[in-house]
Amino acid sequence: QVQLVESGGGLVQAGGSLRLSCDASGRTSSIEVMGWF
C-alpha cells in the first residue's frame, strides 16, 4: 500500500505561483511513476 498526502493549495491571483507537495509513505519502493492530475 502507498499513502499520498497533498498540500500547498490555496487562493492565488492570476499570474501568481503555487507549489504543491505530495508526500508518499508506505511501500514507496513499489512506485514507478508519480502523476499529477
Full PDB file with SEQRES, HELIX, SHEET, SSBOND, CRYST1, ORIGX, SCALE, CONECT and MASTER records, all heavy atoms in Angstrom:
SEQRES   1 A   37  GLN VAL GLN LEU VAL GLU SER GLY GLY GLY LEU VAL GLN          
SEQRES   2 A   37  ALA GLY GLY SER LEU ARG LEU SER CYS ASP ALA SER GLY          
SEQRES   3 A   37  ARG THR SER SER ILE GLU VAL MET GLY TRP PHE                  
HELIX    1 AA1 THR A   28  SER A   30  5                                   3    
SHEET    1 AA1 2 VAL A   2  SER A   7  0                                        
SHEET    2 AA1 2 SER A  21  GLY A  26 -1                                        
CRYST1    1.000    1.000    1.000  90.00  90.00  90.00 P 1           1          
ORIGX1      1.000000  0.000000  0.000000        0.00000                         
ORIGX2      0.000000  1.000000  0.000000        0.00000                         
ORIGX3      0.000000  0.000000  1.000000        0.00000                         
SCALE1      1.000000  0.000000  0.000000        0.00000                         
SCALE2      0.000000  1.000000  0.000000        0.00000                         
SCALE3      0.000000  0.000000  1.000000        0.00000                         
ATOM      1  N   GLN A   1       0.832  -1.196   0.000  1.00  0.00           N  
ATOM      2  CA  GLN A   1       0.000   0.000   0.000  1.00  0.00           C  
ATOM      3  C   GLN A   1       0.869   1.249   0.000  1.00  0.00           C  
ATOM      4  O   GLN A   1       1.944   1.281   0.607  1.00  0.00           O  
ATOM      5  CB  GLN A   1      -0.915   0.017   1.234  1.00  0.00           C  
ATOM      6  CG  GLN A   1      -1.935  -1.092   1.263  1.00  0.00           C  
ATOM      7  CD  GLN A   1      -3.032  -0.885   0.242  1.00  0.00           C  
ATOM      8  OE1 GLN A   1      -3.397   0.228  -0.051  1.00  0.00           O  
ATOM      9  NE2 GLN A   1      -3.525  -1.988  -0.302  1.00  0.00           N  
ATOM     10  N   VAL A   2       0.392   2.249  -0.683  1.00  0.00           N  
ATOM     11  CA  VAL A   2       1.054   3.544  -0.725  1.00  0.00           C  
ATOM     12  C   VAL A   2       0.042   4.598  -0.277  1.00  0.00           C  
ATOM     13  O   VAL A   2      -1.099   4.596  -0.723  1.00  0.00           O  
ATOM     14  CB  VAL A   2       1.554   3.865  -2.140  1.00  0.00           C  
ATOM     15  CG1 VAL A   2       2.139   5.269  -2.197  1.00  0.00           C  
ATOM     16  CG2 VAL A   2       2.588   2.832  -2.596  1.00  0.00           C  
ATOM     17  N   GLN A   3       0.477   5.459   0.602  1.00  0.00           N  
ATOM     18  CA  GLN A   3      -0.371   6.561   1.034  1.00  0.00           C  
ATOM     19  C   GLN A   3       0.199   7.864   0.491  1.00  0.00           C  
ATOM     20  O   GLN A   3       1.416   8.072   0.504  1.00  0.00           O  
ATOM     21  CB  GLN A   3      -0.449   6.643   2.562  1.00  0.00           C  
ATOM     22  CG  GLN A   3      -1.165   5.475   3.207  1.00  0.00           C  
ATOM     23  CD  GLN A   3      -0.271   4.242   3.330  1.00  0.00           C  
ATOM     24  OE1 GLN A   3       0.882   4.327   3.718  1.00  0.00           O  
ATOM     25  NE2 GLN A   3      -0.819   3.061   3.018  1.00  0.00           N  
ATOM     26  N   LEU A   4      -0.691   8.729   0.034  1.00  0.00           N  
ATOM     27  CA  LEU A   4      -0.298  10.007  -0.566  1.00  0.00           C  
ATOM     28  C   LEU A   4      -1.060  11.146   0.098  1.00  0.00           C  
ATOM     29  O   LEU A   4      -2.278  11.042   0.291  1.00  0.00           O  
ATOM     30  CB  LEU A   4      -0.590  10.002  -2.061  1.00  0.00           C  
ATOM     31  CG  LEU A   4       0.048   8.875  -2.884  1.00  0.00           C  
ATOM     32  CD1 LEU A   4      -0.473   8.906  -4.312  1.00  0.00           C  
ATOM     33  CD2 LEU A   4       1.553   8.988  -2.865  1.00  0.00           C  
ATOM     34  N   VAL A   5      -0.343  12.193   0.409  1.00  0.00           N  
ATOM     35  CA  VAL A   5      -0.977  13.370   1.019  1.00  0.00           C  
ATOM     36  C   VAL A   5      -0.491  14.607   0.291  1.00  0.00           C  
ATOM     37  O   VAL A   5       0.712  14.896   0.276  1.00  0.00           O  
ATOM     38  CB  VAL A   5      -0.650  13.480   2.517  1.00  0.00           C  
ATOM     39  CG1 VAL A   5      -1.291  14.738   3.095  1.00  0.00           C  
ATOM     40  CG2 VAL A   5      -1.131  12.245   3.268  1.00  0.00           C  
ATOM     41  N   GLU A   6      -1.434  15.332  -0.313  1.00  0.00           N  
ATOM     42  CA  GLU A   6      -1.104  16.586  -0.989  1.00  0.00           C  
ATOM     43  C   GLU A   6      -1.246  17.764  -0.033  1.00  0.00           C  
ATOM     44  O   GLU A   6      -2.032  17.718   0.910  1.00  0.00           O  
ATOM     45  CB  GLU A   6      -2.025  16.834  -2.202  1.00  0.00           C  
ATOM     46  CG  GLU A   6      -2.059  15.741  -3.230  1.00  0.00           C  
ATOM     47  CD  GLU A   6      -3.231  14.823  -3.044  1.00  0.00           C  
ATOM     48  OE1 GLU A   6      -3.726  14.710  -1.900  1.00  0.00           O  
ATOM     49  OE2 GLU A   6      -3.689  14.227  -4.050  1.00  0.00           O  
ATOM     50  N   SER A   7      -0.512  18.811  -0.340  1.00  0.00           N  
ATOM     51  CA  SER A   7      -0.630  20.061   0.399  1.00  0.00           C  
ATOM     52  C   SER A   7      -0.169  21.195  -0.493  1.00  0.00           C  
ATOM     53  O   SER A   7       0.420  20.965  -1.556  1.00  0.00           O  
ATOM     54  CB  SER A   7       0.194  20.023   1.691  1.00  0.00           C  
ATOM     55  OG  SER A   7       1.568  19.832   1.395  1.00  0.00           O  
ATOM     56  N   GLY A   8      -0.437  22.417  -0.049  1.00  0.00           N  
ATOM     57  CA  GLY A   8       0.062  23.578  -0.761  1.00  0.00           C  
ATOM     58  C   GLY A   8      -0.950  24.320  -1.600  1.00  0.00           C  
ATOM     59  O   GLY A   8      -0.629  25.370  -2.173  1.00  0.00           O  
ATOM     60  N   GLY A   9      -2.163  23.797  -1.678  1.00  0.00           N  
ATOM     61  CA  GLY A   9      -3.171  24.509  -2.446  1.00  0.00           C  
ATOM     62  C   GLY A   9      -3.622  25.779  -1.740  1.00  0.00           C  
ATOM     63  O   GLY A   9      -3.255  26.045  -0.598  1.00  0.00           O  
ATOM     64  N   GLY A  10      -4.398  26.566  -2.454  1.00  0.00           N  
ATOM     65  CA  GLY A  10      -4.895  27.801  -1.859  1.00  0.00           C  
ATOM     66  C   GLY A  10      -5.466  28.728  -2.903  1.00  0.00           C  
ATOM     67  O   GLY A  10      -5.702  28.333  -4.056  1.00  0.00           O  
ATOM     68  N   LEU A  11      -5.662  29.958  -2.487  1.00  0.00           N  
ATOM     69  CA  LEU A  11      -6.208  31.004  -3.353  1.00  0.00           C  
ATOM     70  C   LEU A  11      -5.063  31.898  -3.812  1.00  0.00           C  
ATOM     71  O   LEU A  11      -4.279  32.381  -2.987  1.00  0.00           O  
ATOM     72  CB  LEU A  11      -7.249  31.815  -2.590  1.00  0.00           C  
ATOM     73  CG  LEU A  11      -7.837  33.025  -3.303  1.00  0.00           C  
ATOM     74  CD1 LEU A  11      -8.625  32.586  -4.535  1.00  0.00           C  
ATOM     75  CD2 LEU A  11      -8.733  33.813  -2.342  1.00  0.00           C  
ATOM     76  N   VAL A  12      -4.988  32.125  -5.109  1.00  0.00           N  
ATOM     77  CA  VAL A  12      -3.925  32.946  -5.662  1.00  0.00           C  
ATOM     78  C   VAL A  12      -4.503  33.782  -6.808  1.00  0.00           C  
ATOM     79  O   VAL A  12      -5.452  33.361  -7.477  1.00  0.00           O  
ATOM     80  CB  VAL A  12      -2.746  32.069  -6.150  1.00  0.00           C  
ATOM     81  CG1 VAL A  12      -3.181  31.140  -7.268  1.00  0.00           C  
ATOM     82  CG2 VAL A  12      -1.555  32.897  -6.555  1.00  0.00           C  
ATOM     83  N   GLN A  13      -3.928  34.933  -7.009  1.00  0.00           N  
ATOM     84  CA  GLN A  13      -4.376  35.771  -8.114  1.00  0.00           C  
ATOM     85  C   GLN A  13      -3.777  35.284  -9.428  1.00  0.00           C  
ATOM     86  O   GLN A  13      -2.697  34.676  -9.443  1.00  0.00           O  
ATOM     87  CB  GLN A  13      -3.983  37.220  -7.868  1.00  0.00           C  
ATOM     88  CG  GLN A  13      -4.821  37.920  -6.806  1.00  0.00           C  
ATOM     89  CD  GLN A  13      -4.566  39.412  -6.789  1.00  0.00           C  
ATOM     90  OE1 GLN A  13      -3.460  39.865  -7.039  1.00  0.00           O  
ATOM     91  NE2 GLN A  13      -5.597  40.182  -6.475  1.00  0.00           N  
ATOM     92  N   ALA A  14      -4.474  35.578 -10.491  1.00  0.00           N  
ATOM     93  CA  ALA A  14      -3.960  35.235 -11.811  1.00  0.00           C  
ATOM     94  C   ALA A  14      -2.572  35.843 -12.000  1.00  0.00           C  
ATOM     95  O   ALA A  14      -2.328  36.996 -11.613  1.00  0.00           O  
ATOM     96  CB  ALA A  14      -4.910  35.731 -12.890  1.00  0.00           C  
ATOM     97  N   GLY A  15      -1.673  35.057 -12.588  1.00  0.00           N  
ATOM     98  CA  GLY A  15      -0.298  35.477 -12.750  1.00  0.00           C  
ATOM     99  C   GLY A  15       0.610  35.052 -11.613  1.00  0.00           C  
ATOM    100  O   GLY A  15       1.839  35.137 -11.730  1.00  0.00           O  
ATOM    101  N   GLY A  16       0.016  34.587 -10.541  1.00  0.00           N  
ATOM    102  CA  GLY A  16       0.796  34.166  -9.383  1.00  0.00           C  
ATOM    103  C   GLY A  16       1.295  32.743  -9.506  1.00  0.00           C  
ATOM    104  O   GLY A  16       1.118  32.080 -10.543  1.00  0.00           O  
ATOM    105  N   SER A  17       1.917  32.275  -8.425  1.00  0.00           N  
ATOM    106  CA  SER A  17       2.527  30.941  -8.404  1.00  0.00           C  
ATOM    107  C   SER A  17       2.111  30.190  -7.158  1.00  0.00           C  
ATOM    108  O   SER A  17       1.787  30.793  -6.121  1.00  0.00           O  
ATOM    109  CB  SER A  17       4.062  31.048  -8.432  1.00  0.00           C  
ATOM    110  OG  SER A  17       4.514  31.681  -9.611  1.00  0.00           O  
ATOM    111  N   LEU A  18       2.137  28.885  -7.273  1.00  0.00           N  
ATOM    112  CA  LEU A  18       1.921  27.989  -6.137  1.00  0.00           C  
ATOM    113  C   LEU A  18       2.799  26.771  -6.321  1.00  0.00           C  
ATOM    114  O   LEU A  18       3.081  26.375  -7.460  1.00  0.00           O  
ATOM    115  CB  LEU A  18       0.466  27.532  -6.050  1.00  0.00           C  
ATOM    116  CG  LEU A  18      -0.570  28.402  -5.351  1.00  0.00           C  
ATOM    117  CD1 LEU A  18      -1.940  27.764  -5.463  1.00  0.00           C  
ATOM    118  CD2 LEU A  18      -0.216  28.676  -3.909  1.00  0.00           C  
ATOM    119  N   ARG A  19       3.206  26.186  -5.214  1.00  0.00           N  
ATOM    120  CA  ARG A  19       3.900  24.913  -5.272  1.00  0.00           C  
ATOM    121  C   ARG A  19       3.134  23.907  -4.441  1.00  0.00           C  
ATOM    122  O   ARG A  19       2.949  24.091  -3.231  1.00  0.00           O  
ATOM    123  CB  ARG A  19       5.339  25.019  -4.753  1.00  0.00           C  
ATOM    124  CG  ARG A  19       6.134  23.741  -5.031  1.00  0.00           C  
ATOM    125  CD  ARG A  19       7.570  23.828  -4.608  1.00  0.00           C  
ATOM    126  NE  ARG A  19       7.746  23.485  -3.199  1.00  0.00           N  
ATOM    127  CZ  ARG A  19       8.841  22.926  -2.699  1.00  0.00           C  
ATOM    128  NH1 ARG A  19       9.849  22.617  -3.506  1.00  0.00           N  
ATOM    129  NH2 ARG A  19       8.939  22.679  -1.416  1.00  0.00           N  
ATOM    130  N   LEU A  20       2.703  22.856  -5.097  1.00  0.00           N  
ATOM    131  CA  LEU A  20       2.012  21.771  -4.423  1.00  0.00           C  
ATOM    132  C   LEU A  20       3.012  20.693  -4.045  1.00  0.00           C  
ATOM    133  O   LEU A  20       3.976  20.443  -4.776  1.00  0.00           O  
ATOM    134  CB  LEU A  20       0.929  21.176  -5.314  1.00  0.00           C  
ATOM    135  CG  LEU A  20      -0.097  22.141  -5.901  1.00  0.00           C  
ATOM    136  CD1 LEU A  20      -1.152  21.373  -6.688  1.00  0.00           C  
ATOM    137  CD2 LEU A  20      -0.726  22.992  -4.834  1.00  0.00           C  
ATOM    138  N   SER A  21       2.752  20.068  -2.924  1.00  0.00           N  
ATOM    139  CA  SER A  21       3.596  18.972  -2.464  1.00  0.00           C  
ATOM    140  C   SER A  21       2.760  17.705  -2.349  1.00  0.00           C  
ATOM    141  O   SER A  21       1.558  17.759  -2.082  1.00  0.00           O  
ATOM    142  CB  SER A  21       4.195  19.296  -1.098  1.00  0.00           C  
ATOM    143  OG  SER A  21       5.010  20.443  -1.143  1.00  0.00           O  
ATOM    144  N   CYS A  22       3.424  16.600  -2.525  1.00  0.00           N  
ATOM    145  CA  CYS A  22       2.789  15.293  -2.340  1.00  0.00           C  
ATOM    146  C   CYS A  22       3.770  14.416  -1.577  1.00  0.00           C  
ATOM    147  O   CYS A  22       4.851  14.108  -2.084  1.00  0.00           O  
ATOM    148  CB  CYS A  22       2.432  14.660  -3.678  1.00  0.00           C  
ATOM    149  SG  CYS A  22       1.731  12.997  -3.551  1.00  0.00           S  
ATOM    150  N   ASP A  23       3.375  14.056  -0.374  1.00  0.00           N  
ATOM    151  CA  ASP A  23       4.210  13.200   0.462  1.00  0.00           C  
ATOM    152  C   ASP A  23       3.728  11.762   0.361  1.00  0.00           C  
ATOM    153  O   ASP A  23       2.540  11.482   0.570  1.00  0.00           O  
ATOM    154  CB  ASP A  23       4.155  13.669   1.915  1.00  0.00           C  
ATOM    155  CG  ASP A  23       4.788  15.032   2.094  1.00  0.00           C  
ATOM    156  OD1 ASP A  23       5.858  15.258   1.519  1.00  0.00           O  
ATOM    157  OD2 ASP A  23       4.191  15.871   2.793  1.00  0.00           O  
ATOM    158  N   ALA A  24       4.658  10.876   0.051  1.00  0.00           N  
ATOM    159  CA  ALA A  24       4.330   9.463  -0.092  1.00  0.00           C  
ATOM    160  C   ALA A  24       4.860   8.683   1.099  1.00  0.00           C  
ATOM    161  O   ALA A  24       5.943   8.977   1.614  1.00  0.00           O  
ATOM    162  CB  ALA A  24       4.921   8.911  -1.383  1.00  0.00           C  
ATOM    163  N   SER A  25       4.098   7.674   1.507  1.00  0.00           N  
ATOM    164  CA  SER A  25       4.535   6.797   2.587  1.00  0.00           C  
ATOM    165  C   SER A  25       4.034   5.387   2.291  1.00  0.00           C  
ATOM    166  O   SER A  25       3.264   5.166   1.364  1.00  0.00           O  
ATOM    167  CB  SER A  25       4.025   7.299   3.938  1.00  0.00           C  
ATOM    168  OG  SER A  25       2.615   7.346   3.951  1.00  0.00           O  
ATOM    169  N   GLY A  26       4.481   4.461   3.105  1.00  0.00           N  
ATOM    170  CA  GLY A  26       4.125   3.069   2.869  1.00  0.00           C  
ATOM    171  C   GLY A  26       5.151   2.404   1.975  1.00  0.00           C  
ATOM    172  O   GLY A  26       6.348   2.643   2.103  1.00  0.00           O  
ATOM    173  N   ARG A  27       4.663   1.603   1.037  1.00  0.00           N  
ATOM    174  CA  ARG A  27       5.547   0.861   0.140  1.00  0.00           C  
ATOM    175  C   ARG A  27       6.028   1.739  -1.012  1.00  0.00           C  
ATOM    176  O   ARG A  27       5.744   1.486  -2.180  1.00  0.00           O  
ATOM    177  CB  ARG A  27       4.846  -0.381  -0.386  1.00  0.00           C  
ATOM    178  CG  ARG A  27       4.665  -1.488   0.644  1.00  0.00           C  
ATOM    179  CD  ARG A  27       4.254  -2.781  -0.049  1.00  0.00           C  
ATOM    180  NE  ARG A  27       5.301  -3.226  -0.969  1.00  0.00           N  
ATOM    181  CZ  ARG A  27       5.097  -4.061  -1.977  1.00  0.00           C  
ATOM    182  NH1 ARG A  27       3.869  -4.526  -2.216  1.00  0.00           N  
ATOM    183  NH2 ARG A  27       6.091  -4.430  -2.764  1.00  0.00           N  
ATOM    184  N   THR A  28       6.783   2.756  -0.683  1.00  0.00           N  
ATOM    185  CA  THR A  28       7.240   3.690  -1.719  1.00  0.00           C  
ATOM    186  C   THR A  28       8.198   3.025  -2.696  1.00  0.00           C  
ATOM    187  O   THR A  28       8.358   3.510  -3.824  1.00  0.00           O  
ATOM    188  CB  THR A  28       7.887   4.922  -1.091  1.00  0.00           C  
ATOM    189  OG1 THR A  28       8.966   4.494  -0.260  1.00  0.00           O  
ATOM    190  CG2 THR A  28       6.887   5.710  -0.255  1.00  0.00           C  
ATOM    191  N   SER A  29       8.837   1.951  -2.283  1.00  0.00           N  
ATOM    192  CA  SER A  29       9.761   1.251  -3.185  1.00  0.00           C  
ATOM    193  C   SER A  29       9.035   0.654  -4.390  1.00  0.00           C  
ATOM    194  O   SER A  29       9.665   0.336  -5.404  1.00  0.00           O  
ATOM    195  CB  SER A  29      10.496   0.140  -2.433  1.00  0.00           C  
ATOM    196  OG  SER A  29       9.582  -0.814  -1.937  1.00  0.00           O  
ATOM    197  N   SER A  30       7.720   0.515  -4.286  1.00  0.00           N  
ATOM    198  CA  SER A  30       6.952  -0.058  -5.392  1.00  0.00           C  
ATOM    199  C   SER A  30       6.502   0.989  -6.415  1.00  0.00           C  
ATOM    200  O   SER A  30       5.980   0.645  -7.471  1.00  0.00           O  
ATOM    201  CB  SER A  30       5.704  -0.768  -4.848  1.00  0.00           C  
ATOM    202  OG  SER A  30       4.815   0.156  -4.246  1.00  0.00           O  
ATOM    203  N   ILE A  31       6.739   2.253  -6.115  1.00  0.00           N  
ATOM    204  CA  ILE A  31       6.299   3.319  -7.014  1.00  0.00           C  
ATOM    205  C   ILE A  31       7.198   3.374  -8.248  1.00  0.00           C  
ATOM    206  O   ILE A  31       8.416   3.365  -8.139  1.00  0.00           O  
ATOM    207  CB  ILE A  31       6.316   4.681  -6.297  1.00  0.00           C  
ATOM    208  CG1 ILE A  31       5.333   4.678  -5.129  1.00  0.00           C  
ATOM    209  CG2 ILE A  31       5.966   5.797  -7.290  1.00  0.00           C  
ATOM    210  CD1 ILE A  31       5.408   5.941  -4.286  1.00  0.00           C  
ATOM    211  N   GLU A  32       6.574   3.467  -9.394  1.00  0.00           N  
ATOM    212  CA  GLU A  32       7.303   3.650 -10.643  1.00  0.00           C  
ATOM    213  C   GLU A  32       7.155   5.090 -11.154  1.00  0.00           C  
ATOM    214  O   GLU A  32       8.116   5.684 -11.604  1.00  0.00           O  
ATOM    215  CB  GLU A  32       6.792   2.668 -11.699  1.00  0.00           C  
ATOM    216  CG  GLU A  32       7.115   1.226 -11.426  1.00  0.00           C  
ATOM    217  CD  GLU A  32       8.618   0.948 -11.515  1.00  0.00           C  
ATOM    218  OE1 GLU A  32       9.294   1.578 -12.340  1.00  0.00           O  
ATOM    219  OE2 GLU A  32       9.112   0.094 -10.748  1.00  0.00           O  
ATOM    220  N   VAL A  33       5.957   5.599 -11.083  1.00  0.00           N  
ATOM    221  CA  VAL A  33       5.682   6.945 -11.590  1.00  0.00           C  
ATOM    222  C   VAL A  33       4.728   7.649 -10.639  1.00  0.00           C  
ATOM    223  O   VAL A  33       3.782   7.040 -10.123  1.00  0.00           O  
ATOM    224  CB  VAL A  33       5.051   6.891 -12.999  1.00  0.00           C  
ATOM    225  CG1 VAL A  33       4.536   8.257 -13.434  1.00  0.00           C  
ATOM    226  CG2 VAL A  33       6.050   6.353 -14.012  1.00  0.00           C  
ATOM    227  N   MET A  34       4.989   8.917 -10.427  1.00  0.00           N  
ATOM    228  CA  MET A  34       4.053   9.767  -9.701  1.00  0.00           C  
ATOM    229  C   MET A  34       3.438  10.736 -10.706  1.00  0.00           C  
ATOM    230  O   MET A  34       4.145  11.397 -11.465  1.00  0.00           O  
ATOM    231  CB  MET A  34       4.769  10.544  -8.606  1.00  0.00           C  
ATOM    232  CG  MET A  34       5.261   9.673  -7.474  1.00  0.00           C  
ATOM    233  SD  MET A  34       3.915   9.013  -6.486  1.00  0.00           S  
ATOM    234  CE  MET A  34       3.312  10.516  -5.722  1.00  0.00           C  
ATOM    235  N   GLY A  35       2.138  10.803 -10.683  1.00  0.00           N  
ATOM    236  CA  GLY A  35       1.452  11.702 -11.597  1.00  0.00           C  
ATOM    237  C   GLY A  35       0.696  12.780 -10.852  1.00  0.00           C  
ATOM    238  O   GLY A  35       0.344  12.626  -9.679  1.00  0.00           O  
ATOM    239  N   TRP A  36       0.494  13.888 -11.527  1.00  0.00           N  
ATOM    240  CA  TRP A  36      -0.386  14.946 -11.033  1.00  0.00           C  
ATOM    241  C   TRP A  36      -1.572  15.053 -11.989  1.00  0.00           C  
ATOM    242  O   TRP A  36      -1.396  15.101 -13.213  1.00  0.00           O  
ATOM    243  CB  TRP A  36       0.340  16.289 -10.974  1.00  0.00           C  
ATOM    244  CG  TRP A  36       1.281  16.445  -9.822  1.00  0.00           C  
ATOM    245  CD1 TRP A  36       2.637  16.267  -9.829  1.00  0.00           C  
ATOM    246  CD2 TRP A  36       0.936  16.832  -8.488  1.00  0.00           C  
ATOM    247  NE1 TRP A  36       3.150  16.505  -8.582  1.00  0.00           N  
ATOM    248  CE2 TRP A  36       2.138  16.858  -7.733  1.00  0.00           C  
ATOM    249  CE3 TRP A  36      -0.260  17.150  -7.845  1.00  0.00           C  
ATOM    250  CZ2 TRP A  36       2.165  17.198  -6.385  1.00  0.00           C  
ATOM    251  CZ3 TRP A  36      -0.233  17.489  -6.500  1.00  0.00           C  
ATOM    252  CH2 TRP A  36       0.967  17.506  -5.789  1.00  0.00           C  
ATOM    253  N   PHE A  37      -2.744  15.108 -11.416  1.00  0.00           N  
ATOM    254  CA  PHE A  37      -3.976  15.281 -12.175  1.00  0.00           C  
ATOM    255  C   PHE A  37      -4.753  16.442 -11.567  1.00  0.00           C  
ATOM    256  O   PHE A  37      -4.498  16.835 -10.426  1.00  0.00           O  
ATOM    257  CB  PHE A  37      -4.845  14.013 -12.107  1.00  0.00           C  
ATOM    258  CG  PHE A  37      -4.299  12.857 -12.897  1.00  0.00           C  
ATOM    259  CD1 PHE A  37      -3.256  12.092 -12.410  1.00  0.00           C  
ATOM    260  CD2 PHE A  37      -4.845  12.525 -14.123  1.00  0.00           C  
ATOM    261  CE1 PHE A  37      -2.750  11.016 -13.127  1.00  0.00           C  
ATOM    262  CE2 PHE A  37      -4.355  11.452 -14.856  1.00  0.00           C  
ATOM    263  CZ  PHE A  37      -3.308  10.703 -14.349  1.00  0.00           C  
TER     264      PHE A  37                                                      
MASTER        0    0    0    1    2    0    0    6  263    1    0    3          
END                                                                             
